All heavy atoms as atom14 arrays in JSON, in Angstrom:
{
  "sequence": "RHQPELKELMYGYFGASTGAAAALKAAAELGDTIDAVVSRGG",
  "atom14_mask": [
    [1, 1, 1, 1, 1, 1, 1, 1, 1, 1, 1, 0, 0, 0],
    [1, 1, 1, 1, 1, 1, 1, 1, 1, 1, 0, 0, 0, 0],
    [1, 1, 1, 1, 1, 1, 1, 1, 1, 0, 0, 0, 0, 0],
    [1, 1, 1, 1, 1, 1, 1, 0, 0, 0, 0, 0, 0, 0],
    [1, 1, 1, 1, 1, 1, 1, 1, 1, 0, 0, 0, 0, 0],
    [1, 1, 1, 1, 1, 1, 1, 1, 0, 0, 0, 0, 0, 0],
    [1, 1, 1, 1, 1, 1, 1, 1, 1, 0, 0, 0, 0, 0],
    [1, 1, 1, 1, 1, 1, 1, 1, 1, 0, 0, 0, 0, 0],
    [1, 1, 1, 1, 1, 1, 1, 1, 0, 0, 0, 0, 0, 0],
    [1, 1, 1, 1, 1, 1, 1, 1, 0, 0, 0, 0, 0, 0],
    [1, 1, 1, 1, 1, 1, 1, 1, 1, 1, 1, 1, 0, 0],
    [1, 1, 1, 1, 0, 0, 0, 0, 0, 0, 0, 0, 0, 0],
    [1, 1, 1, 1, 1, 1, 1, 1, 1, 1, 1, 1, 0, 0],
    [1, 1, 1, 1, 1, 1, 1, 1, 1, 1, 1, 0, 0, 0],
    [1, 1, 1, 1, 0, 0, 0, 0, 0, 0, 0, 0, 0, 0],
    [1, 1, 1, 1, 1, 0, 0, 0, 0, 0, 0, 0, 0, 0],
    [1, 1, 1, 1, 1, 1, 0, 0, 0, 0, 0, 0, 0, 0],
    [1, 1, 1, 1, 1, 1, 1, 0, 0, 0, 0, 0, 0, 0],
    [1, 1, 1, 1, 0, 0, 0, 0, 0, 0, 0, 0, 0, 0],
    [1, 1, 1, 1, 1, 0, 0, 0, 0, 0, 0, 0, 0, 0],
    [1, 1, 1, 1, 1, 0, 0, 0, 0, 0, 0, 0, 0, 0],
    [1, 1, 1, 1, 1, 0, 0, 0, 0, 0, 0, 0, 0, 0],
    [1, 1, 1, 1, 1, 0, 0, 0, 0, 0, 0, 0, 0, 0],
    [1, 1, 1, 1, 1, 1, 1, 1, 0, 0, 0, 0, 0, 0],
    [1, 1, 1, 1, 1, 1, 1, 1, 1, 0, 0, 0, 0, 0],
    [1, 1, 1, 1, 1, 0, 0, 0, 0, 0, 0, 0, 0, 0],
    [1, 1, 1, 1, 1, 0, 0, 0, 0, 0, 0, 0, 0, 0],
    [1, 1, 1, 1, 1, 0, 0, 0, 0, 0, 0, 0, 0, 0],
    [1, 1, 1, 1, 1, 1, 1, 1, 1, 0, 0, 0, 0, 0],
    [1, 1, 1, 1, 1, 1, 1, 1, 0, 0, 0, 0, 0, 0],
    [1, 1, 1, 1, 0, 0, 0, 0, 0, 0, 0, 0, 0, 0],
    [1, 1, 1, 1, 1, 1, 1, 1, 0, 0, 0, 0, 0, 0],
    [1, 1, 1, 1, 1, 1, 1, 0, 0, 0, 0, 0, 0, 0],
    [1, 1, 1, 1, 1, 1, 1, 1, 0, 0, 0, 0, 0, 0],
    [1, 1, 1, 1, 1, 1, 1, 1, 0, 0, 0, 0, 0, 0],
    [1, 1, 1, 1, 1, 0, 0, 0, 0, 0, 0, 0, 0, 0],
    [1, 1, 1, 1, 1, 1, 1, 0, 0, 0, 0, 0, 0, 0],
    [1, 1, 1, 1, 1, 1, 1, 0, 0, 0, 0, 0, 0, 0],
    [1, 1, 1, 1, 1, 1, 0, 0, 0, 0, 0, 0, 0, 0],
    [1, 1, 1, 1, 1, 1, 1, 1, 1, 1, 1, 0, 0, 0],
    [1, 1, 1, 1, 0, 0, 0, 0, 0, 0, 0, 0, 0, 0],
    [1, 1, 1, 1, 0, 0, 0, 0, 0, 0, 0, 0, 0, 0]
  ],
  "atom14_positions": [
    [[-12.82, 5.91, -10.57], [-11.84, 5.34, -11.26], [-12.14, 4.7, -12.7], [-11.32, 4.32, -13.41], [-11.25, 4.16, -10.37], [-10.5, 4.62, -9.18], [-9.79, 3.54, -8.5], [-9.22, 3.91, -7.2], [-8.1, 4.61, -7.08], [-7.42, 4.91, -8.0], [-7.62, 4.84, -5.82], [0.0, 0.0, 0.0], [0.0, 0.0, 0.0], [0.0, 0.0, 0.0]],
    [[-13.44, 4.67, -12.88], [-14.03, 4.21, -14.18], [-14.25, 5.3, -15.23], [-14.58, 5.1, -16.32], [-15.3, 3.42, -14.03], [-14.99, 1.89, -13.58], [-14.92, 1.63, -12.2], [-14.7, 0.79, -14.18], [-14.7, 0.32, -12.08], [-14.54, -0.15, -13.33], [0.0, 0.0, 0.0], [0.0, 0.0, 0.0], [0.0, 0.0, 0.0], [0.0, 0.0, 0.0]],
    [[-14.03, 6.64, -14.72], [-14.2, 7.67, -15.53], [-12.94, 7.95, -16.5], [-11.79, 7.97, -15.75], [-14.54, 8.92, -14.79], [-15.8, 8.86, -13.95], [-16.99, 8.26, -14.59], [-17.41, 8.66, -15.66], [-17.5, 7.04, -14.11], [0.0, 0.0, 0.0], [0.0, 0.0, 0.0], [0.0, 0.0, 0.0], [0.0, 0.0, 0.0], [0.0, 0.0, 0.0]],
    [[-12.95, 8.05, -17.73], [-11.75, 8.11, -18.5], [-10.8, 9.22, -18.07], [-9.56, 9.01, -18.11], [-12.3, 8.4, -19.95], [-13.65, 7.79, -19.99], [-14.2, 8.04, -18.61], [0.0, 0.0, 0.0], [0.0, 0.0, 0.0], [0.0, 0.0, 0.0], [0.0, 0.0, 0.0], [0.0, 0.0, 0.0], [0.0, 0.0, 0.0], [0.0, 0.0, 0.0]],
    [[-11.37, 10.42, -17.66], [-10.43, 11.53, -17.31], [-9.82, 11.37, -15.86], [-9.01, 12.2, -15.55], [-11.13, 12.76, -17.5], [-12.2, 13.04, -16.53], [-13.55, 12.58, -16.85], [-13.71, 11.55, -17.49], [-14.55, 13.29, -16.7], [0.0, 0.0, 0.0], [0.0, 0.0, 0.0], [0.0, 0.0, 0.0], [0.0, 0.0, 0.0], [0.0, 0.0, 0.0]],
    [[-10.33, 10.37, -15.14], [-9.9, 10.35, -13.71], [-9.09, 9.0, -13.42], [-8.49, 9.0, -12.39], [-11.16, 10.42, -12.87], [-12.09, 11.58, -12.99], [-13.32, 11.43, -12.08], [-11.35, 12.86, -12.73], [0.0, 0.0, 0.0], [0.0, 0.0, 0.0], [0.0, 0.0, 0.0], [0.0, 0.0, 0.0], [0.0, 0.0, 0.0], [0.0, 0.0, 0.0]],
    [[-9.27, 8.08, -14.21], [-8.81, 6.67, -13.82], [-7.2, 6.65, -13.77], [-6.78, 5.64, -13.06], [-9.29, 5.61, -14.89], [-8.67, 5.91, -16.27], [-9.25, 4.75, -17.15], [-8.67, 4.93, -18.56], [-9.21, 3.75, -19.42], [0.0, 0.0, 0.0], [0.0, 0.0, 0.0], [0.0, 0.0, 0.0], [0.0, 0.0, 0.0], [0.0, 0.0, 0.0]],
    [[-6.54, 7.51, -14.23], [-5.05, 7.48, -14.23], [-4.45, 8.41, -13.11], [-3.27, 8.46, -12.84], [-4.44, 7.92, -15.53], [-4.8, 7.12, -16.84], [-4.35, 5.62, -16.6], [-3.25, 5.44, -15.96], [-5.05, 4.75, -16.98], [0.0, 0.0, 0.0], [0.0, 0.0, 0.0], [0.0, 0.0, 0.0], [0.0, 0.0, 0.0], [0.0, 0.0, 0.0]],
    [[-5.37, 9.09, -12.36], [-4.88, 10.01, -11.4], [-4.42, 9.27, -9.97], [-4.89, 8.13, -9.77], [-6.01, 10.94, -10.98], [-6.51, 11.85, -12.29], [-7.62, 12.8, -11.81], [-5.43, 12.62, -12.93], [0.0, 0.0, 0.0], [0.0, 0.0, 0.0], [0.0, 0.0, 0.0], [0.0, 0.0, 0.0], [0.0, 0.0, 0.0], [0.0, 0.0, 0.0]],
    [[-3.72, 10.13, -9.29], [-3.54, 9.7, -7.82], [-4.7, 10.08, -7.09], [-5.42, 11.13, -7.45], [-2.22, 10.21, -7.17], [-1.06, 9.75, -8.06], [0.55, 10.32, -7.32], [0.72, 9.34, -5.87], [0.0, 0.0, 0.0], [0.0, 0.0, 0.0], [0.0, 0.0, 0.0], [0.0, 0.0, 0.0], [0.0, 0.0, 0.0], [0.0, 0.0, 0.0]],
    [[-5.03, 9.54, -5.95], [-6.19, 9.79, -5.13], [-6.05, 10.06, -3.66], [-5.17, 9.48, -3.12], [-7.22, 8.55, -5.3], [-8.03, 8.48, -6.49], [-7.45, 8.22, -7.77], [-9.39, 8.58, -6.43], [-8.27, 8.15, -8.93], [-10.21, 8.53, -7.58], [-9.63, 8.35, -8.89], [-10.39, 8.3, -10.01], [0.0, 0.0, 0.0], [0.0, 0.0, 0.0]],
    [[-6.81, 11.08, -3.27], [-6.71, 11.43, -1.81], [-8.16, 11.6, -1.35], [-9.09, 11.72, -2.03], [0.0, 0.0, 0.0], [0.0, 0.0, 0.0], [0.0, 0.0, 0.0], [0.0, 0.0, 0.0], [0.0, 0.0, 0.0], [0.0, 0.0, 0.0], [0.0, 0.0, 0.0], [0.0, 0.0, 0.0], [0.0, 0.0, 0.0], [0.0, 0.0, 0.0]],
    [[-8.3, 11.48, -0.01], [-9.54, 11.86, 0.67], [-9.47, 13.03, 1.57], [-8.42, 13.18, 2.31], [-10.07, 10.6, 1.59], [-10.55, 9.39, 0.84], [-10.31, 8.16, 1.34], [-11.32, 9.55, -0.36], [-10.7, 7.06, 0.66], [-11.73, 8.34, -1.08], [-11.43, 7.08, -0.61], [-11.98, 5.97, -1.16], [0.0, 0.0, 0.0], [0.0, 0.0, 0.0]],
    [[-10.54, 13.86, 1.58], [-10.6, 15.0, 2.52], [-11.9, 14.77, 3.31], [-12.99, 14.74, 2.69], [-10.58, 16.26, 1.86], [-10.7, 17.56, 2.82], [-9.54, 18.11, 3.19], [-11.94, 17.96, 3.28], [-9.57, 19.24, 4.06], [-11.97, 19.09, 4.19], [-10.91, 19.63, 4.49], [0.0, 0.0, 0.0], [0.0, 0.0, 0.0], [0.0, 0.0, 0.0]],
    [[-11.82, 14.38, 4.51], [-12.92, 14.12, 5.4], [-13.11, 15.17, 6.53], [-12.26, 15.67, 7.14], [0.0, 0.0, 0.0], [0.0, 0.0, 0.0], [0.0, 0.0, 0.0], [0.0, 0.0, 0.0], [0.0, 0.0, 0.0], [0.0, 0.0, 0.0], [0.0, 0.0, 0.0], [0.0, 0.0, 0.0], [0.0, 0.0, 0.0], [0.0, 0.0, 0.0]],
    [[-14.51, 15.52, 6.72], [-14.79, 16.38, 7.78], [-15.74, 15.76, 8.7], [-16.71, 15.0, 8.31], [-15.41, 17.74, 7.21], [0.0, 0.0, 0.0], [0.0, 0.0, 0.0], [0.0, 0.0, 0.0], [0.0, 0.0, 0.0], [0.0, 0.0, 0.0], [0.0, 0.0, 0.0], [0.0, 0.0, 0.0], [0.0, 0.0, 0.0], [0.0, 0.0, 0.0]],
    [[-15.53, 16.0, 9.96], [-16.44, 15.39, 11.01], [-16.6, 13.88, 10.99], [-15.59, 13.25, 10.76], [-17.86, 16.19, 11.15], [-18.57, 15.85, 12.15], [0.0, 0.0, 0.0], [0.0, 0.0, 0.0], [0.0, 0.0, 0.0], [0.0, 0.0, 0.0], [0.0, 0.0, 0.0], [0.0, 0.0, 0.0], [0.0, 0.0, 0.0], [0.0, 0.0, 0.0]],
    [[-17.81, 13.32, 10.83], [-17.94, 11.95, 10.63], [-17.43, 11.46, 9.33], [-17.04, 10.33, 9.23], [-19.42, 11.6, 10.84], [-20.22, 12.5, 9.93], [-19.93, 11.78, 12.25], [0.0, 0.0, 0.0], [0.0, 0.0, 0.0], [0.0, 0.0, 0.0], [0.0, 0.0, 0.0], [0.0, 0.0, 0.0], [0.0, 0.0, 0.0], [0.0, 0.0, 0.0]],
    [[-17.34, 12.33, 8.27], [-16.83, 11.96, 6.96], [-15.38, 11.66, 7.12], [-14.91, 10.8, 6.33], [0.0, 0.0, 0.0], [0.0, 0.0, 0.0], [0.0, 0.0, 0.0], [0.0, 0.0, 0.0], [0.0, 0.0, 0.0], [0.0, 0.0, 0.0], [0.0, 0.0, 0.0], [0.0, 0.0, 0.0], [0.0, 0.0, 0.0], [0.0, 0.0, 0.0]],
    [[-14.72, 12.22, 8.18], [-13.3, 11.84, 8.28], [-13.01, 10.3, 8.68], [-12.22, 9.7, 8.36], [-12.66, 12.6, 9.35], [0.0, 0.0, 0.0], [0.0, 0.0, 0.0], [0.0, 0.0, 0.0], [0.0, 0.0, 0.0], [0.0, 0.0, 0.0], [0.0, 0.0, 0.0], [0.0, 0.0, 0.0], [0.0, 0.0, 0.0], [0.0, 0.0, 0.0]],
    [[-13.98, 9.92, 9.57], [-14.01, 8.47, 10.02], [-14.25, 7.59, 8.66], [-13.56, 6.5, 8.5], [-15.0, 8.17, 10.99], [0.0, 0.0, 0.0], [0.0, 0.0, 0.0], [0.0, 0.0, 0.0], [0.0, 0.0, 0.0], [0.0, 0.0, 0.0], [0.0, 0.0, 0.0], [0.0, 0.0, 0.0], [0.0, 0.0, 0.0], [0.0, 0.0, 0.0]],
    [[-15.15, 7.98, 7.87], [-15.45, 7.21, 6.71], [-14.28, 7.28, 5.71], [-13.95, 6.31, 5.1], [-16.74, 7.73, 5.92], [0.0, 0.0, 0.0], [0.0, 0.0, 0.0], [0.0, 0.0, 0.0], [0.0, 0.0, 0.0], [0.0, 0.0, 0.0], [0.0, 0.0, 0.0], [0.0, 0.0, 0.0], [0.0, 0.0, 0.0], [0.0, 0.0, 0.0]],
    [[-13.61, 8.41, 5.66], [-12.41, 8.46, 4.7], [-11.3, 7.52, 5.17], [-10.64, 6.85, 4.45], [-11.84, 9.88, 4.7], [0.0, 0.0, 0.0], [0.0, 0.0, 0.0], [0.0, 0.0, 0.0], [0.0, 0.0, 0.0], [0.0, 0.0, 0.0], [0.0, 0.0, 0.0], [0.0, 0.0, 0.0], [0.0, 0.0, 0.0], [0.0, 0.0, 0.0]],
    [[-11.13, 7.55, 6.56], [-10.0, 6.58, 7.15], [-10.31, 5.13, 6.95], [-9.45, 4.33, 6.67], [-9.76, 7.06, 8.55], [-9.03, 8.44, 8.77], [-9.1, 8.95, 10.04], [-7.54, 8.32, 8.33], [0.0, 0.0, 0.0], [0.0, 0.0, 0.0], [0.0, 0.0, 0.0], [0.0, 0.0, 0.0], [0.0, 0.0, 0.0], [0.0, 0.0, 0.0]],
    [[-11.64, 4.83, 7.19], [-12.1, 3.43, 7.02], [-11.8, 3.03, 5.53], [-11.47, 1.9, 5.13], [-13.43, 3.25, 7.57], [-13.63, 3.25, 9.0], [-14.92, 2.65, 9.41], [-14.93, 1.12, 9.34], [-15.95, 0.43, 10.0], [0.0, 0.0, 0.0], [0.0, 0.0, 0.0], [0.0, 0.0, 0.0], [0.0, 0.0, 0.0], [0.0, 0.0, 0.0]],
    [[-12.23, 3.84, 4.65], [-12.18, 3.62, 3.18], [-10.62, 3.44, 2.77], [-10.29, 2.58, 1.97], [-12.8, 4.63, 2.43], [0.0, 0.0, 0.0], [0.0, 0.0, 0.0], [0.0, 0.0, 0.0], [0.0, 0.0, 0.0], [0.0, 0.0, 0.0], [0.0, 0.0, 0.0], [0.0, 0.0, 0.0], [0.0, 0.0, 0.0], [0.0, 0.0, 0.0]],
    [[-9.88, 4.32, 3.46], [-8.38, 4.23, 3.07], [-7.77, 3.02, 3.59], [-6.89, 2.41, 2.89], [-7.66, 5.51, 3.66], [0.0, 0.0, 0.0], [0.0, 0.0, 0.0], [0.0, 0.0, 0.0], [0.0, 0.0, 0.0], [0.0, 0.0, 0.0], [0.0, 0.0, 0.0], [0.0, 0.0, 0.0], [0.0, 0.0, 0.0], [0.0, 0.0, 0.0]],
    [[-8.25, 2.62, 4.74], [-7.78, 1.38, 5.29], [-8.13, 0.1, 4.29], [-7.4, -0.83, 4.12], [-8.29, 1.1, 6.7], [0.0, 0.0, 0.0], [0.0, 0.0, 0.0], [0.0, 0.0, 0.0], [0.0, 0.0, 0.0], [0.0, 0.0, 0.0], [0.0, 0.0, 0.0], [0.0, 0.0, 0.0], [0.0, 0.0, 0.0], [0.0, 0.0, 0.0]],
    [[-9.26, 0.19, 3.9], [-9.79, -0.82, 2.98], [-9.14, -0.86, 1.59], [-8.8, -1.93, 1.12], [-11.33, -0.55, 2.65], [-11.98, -1.59, 1.78], [-12.24, -2.99, 2.4], [-12.24, -3.07, 3.67], [-12.41, -3.9, 1.63], [0.0, 0.0, 0.0], [0.0, 0.0, 0.0], [0.0, 0.0, 0.0], [0.0, 0.0, 0.0], [0.0, 0.0, 0.0]],
    [[-8.76, 0.33, 0.96], [-8.1, 0.39, -0.28], [-6.63, 0.43, -0.21], [-6.0, 0.27, -1.33], [-8.76, 1.62, -0.94], [-10.21, 1.65, -1.2], [-10.58, 3.05, -1.87], [-10.56, 0.5, -2.23], [0.0, 0.0, 0.0], [0.0, 0.0, 0.0], [0.0, 0.0, 0.0], [0.0, 0.0, 0.0], [0.0, 0.0, 0.0], [0.0, 0.0, 0.0]],
    [[-6.04, 0.44, 0.92], [-4.59, 0.29, 1.01], [-3.82, 1.34, 0.26], [-4.11, 2.55, 0.25], [0.0, 0.0, 0.0], [0.0, 0.0, 0.0], [0.0, 0.0, 0.0], [0.0, 0.0, 0.0], [0.0, 0.0, 0.0], [0.0, 0.0, 0.0], [0.0, 0.0, 0.0], [0.0, 0.0, 0.0], [0.0, 0.0, 0.0], [0.0, 0.0, 0.0]],
    [[-2.8, 0.93, -0.52], [-1.92, 1.97, -1.19], [-2.53, 2.45, -2.5], [-1.82, 3.22, -3.17], [-0.61, 1.37, -1.5], [-0.62, 0.05, -2.36], [-1.66, -0.22, -2.87], [0.47, -0.62, -2.48], [0.0, 0.0, 0.0], [0.0, 0.0, 0.0], [0.0, 0.0, 0.0], [0.0, 0.0, 0.0], [0.0, 0.0, 0.0], [0.0, 0.0, 0.0]],
    [[-3.79, 2.17, -2.77], [-4.43, 2.87, -3.91], [-4.99, 4.3, -3.52], [-5.43, 4.95, -4.41], [-5.48, 1.95, -4.53], [-6.62, 1.8, -3.62], [-4.99, 0.75, -4.94], [0.0, 0.0, 0.0], [0.0, 0.0, 0.0], [0.0, 0.0, 0.0], [0.0, 0.0, 0.0], [0.0, 0.0, 0.0], [0.0, 0.0, 0.0], [0.0, 0.0, 0.0]],
    [[-5.04, 4.47, -2.2], [-5.29, 5.96, -1.79], [-3.98, 6.45, -1.26], [-3.18, 5.93, -0.46], [-6.4, 5.85, -0.64], [-7.62, 5.29, -1.04], [-6.55, 7.27, -0.06], [-8.33, 6.18, -2.28], [0.0, 0.0, 0.0], [0.0, 0.0, 0.0], [0.0, 0.0, 0.0], [0.0, 0.0, 0.0], [0.0, 0.0, 0.0], [0.0, 0.0, 0.0]],
    [[-3.72, 7.69, -1.82], [-2.2, 8.31, -1.65], [-2.15, 9.26, -0.47], [-1.0, 9.59, -0.08], [-1.87, 8.93, -2.85], [-1.88, 7.74, -4.02], [-1.03, 6.93, -3.98], [-2.75, 8.02, -4.98], [0.0, 0.0, 0.0], [0.0, 0.0, 0.0], [0.0, 0.0, 0.0], [0.0, 0.0, 0.0], [0.0, 0.0, 0.0], [0.0, 0.0, 0.0]],
    [[-3.3, 9.73, 0.0], [-3.18, 10.75, 1.14], [-4.56, 11.04, 1.69], [-5.56, 10.75, 1.04], [-2.59, 12.12, 0.66], [0.0, 0.0, 0.0], [0.0, 0.0, 0.0], [0.0, 0.0, 0.0], [0.0, 0.0, 0.0], [0.0, 0.0, 0.0], [0.0, 0.0, 0.0], [0.0, 0.0, 0.0], [0.0, 0.0, 0.0], [0.0, 0.0, 0.0]],
    [[-4.66, 11.28, 3.09], [-5.83, 11.62, 3.72], [-5.73, 12.89, 4.56], [-4.68, 13.03, 5.15], [-6.39, 10.5, 4.59], [-7.63, 10.87, 5.26], [-6.56, 9.23, 3.79], [0.0, 0.0, 0.0], [0.0, 0.0, 0.0], [0.0, 0.0, 0.0], [0.0, 0.0, 0.0], [0.0, 0.0, 0.0], [0.0, 0.0, 0.0], [0.0, 0.0, 0.0]],
    [[-6.72, 13.75, 4.5], [-6.71, 14.89, 5.35], [-8.15, 14.89, 6.11], [-9.13, 14.62, 5.56], [-6.52, 16.2, 4.56], [-6.68, 17.4, 5.55], [-5.24, 16.29, 3.94], [0.0, 0.0, 0.0], [0.0, 0.0, 0.0], [0.0, 0.0, 0.0], [0.0, 0.0, 0.0], [0.0, 0.0, 0.0], [0.0, 0.0, 0.0], [0.0, 0.0, 0.0]],
    [[-8.05, 15.19, 7.47], [-9.17, 15.15, 8.23], [-9.32, 16.68, 8.79], [-8.31, 17.14, 9.37], [-9.04, 14.23, 9.27], [-9.97, 14.54, 10.45], [0.0, 0.0, 0.0], [0.0, 0.0, 0.0], [0.0, 0.0, 0.0], [0.0, 0.0, 0.0], [0.0, 0.0, 0.0], [0.0, 0.0, 0.0], [0.0, 0.0, 0.0], [0.0, 0.0, 0.0]],
    [[-10.56, 17.31, 8.59], [-10.77, 18.63, 9.26], [-11.76, 18.54, 10.34], [-12.96, 18.17, 10.11], [-11.24, 19.59, 8.19], [-11.76, 20.94, 8.68], [-12.32, 21.83, 7.69], [-13.55, 21.33, 7.08], [-14.78, 21.42, 7.6], [-14.96, 21.94, 8.87], [-15.86, 21.0, 7.07], [0.0, 0.0, 0.0], [0.0, 0.0, 0.0], [0.0, 0.0, 0.0]],
    [[-11.41, 18.77, 11.51], [-12.27, 18.74, 12.73], [-12.97, 17.44, 12.72], [-14.24, 17.28, 12.95], [0.0, 0.0, 0.0], [0.0, 0.0, 0.0], [0.0, 0.0, 0.0], [0.0, 0.0, 0.0], [0.0, 0.0, 0.0], [0.0, 0.0, 0.0], [0.0, 0.0, 0.0], [0.0, 0.0, 0.0], [0.0, 0.0, 0.0], [0.0, 0.0, 0.0]],
    [[-12.18, 16.37, 12.38], [-12.84, 15.01, 12.19], [-12.98, 14.3, 13.39], [-12.47, 14.55, 14.55], [0.0, 0.0, 0.0], [0.0, 0.0, 0.0], [0.0, 0.0, 0.0], [0.0, 0.0, 0.0], [0.0, 0.0, 0.0], [0.0, 0.0, 0.0], [0.0, 0.0, 0.0], [0.0, 0.0, 0.0], [0.0, 0.0, 0.0], [0.0, 0.0, 0.0]]
  ]
}
């Protein structure tokens, strides 16, 4: 979010396996600043 070319974008997480748990916990922490989450075999 501090990179000039990225700071204005909408954000999503794609998590796999244990990474999906991290993606969901991070999304819970960040609230509506994360716009979508996808979990693969999570």
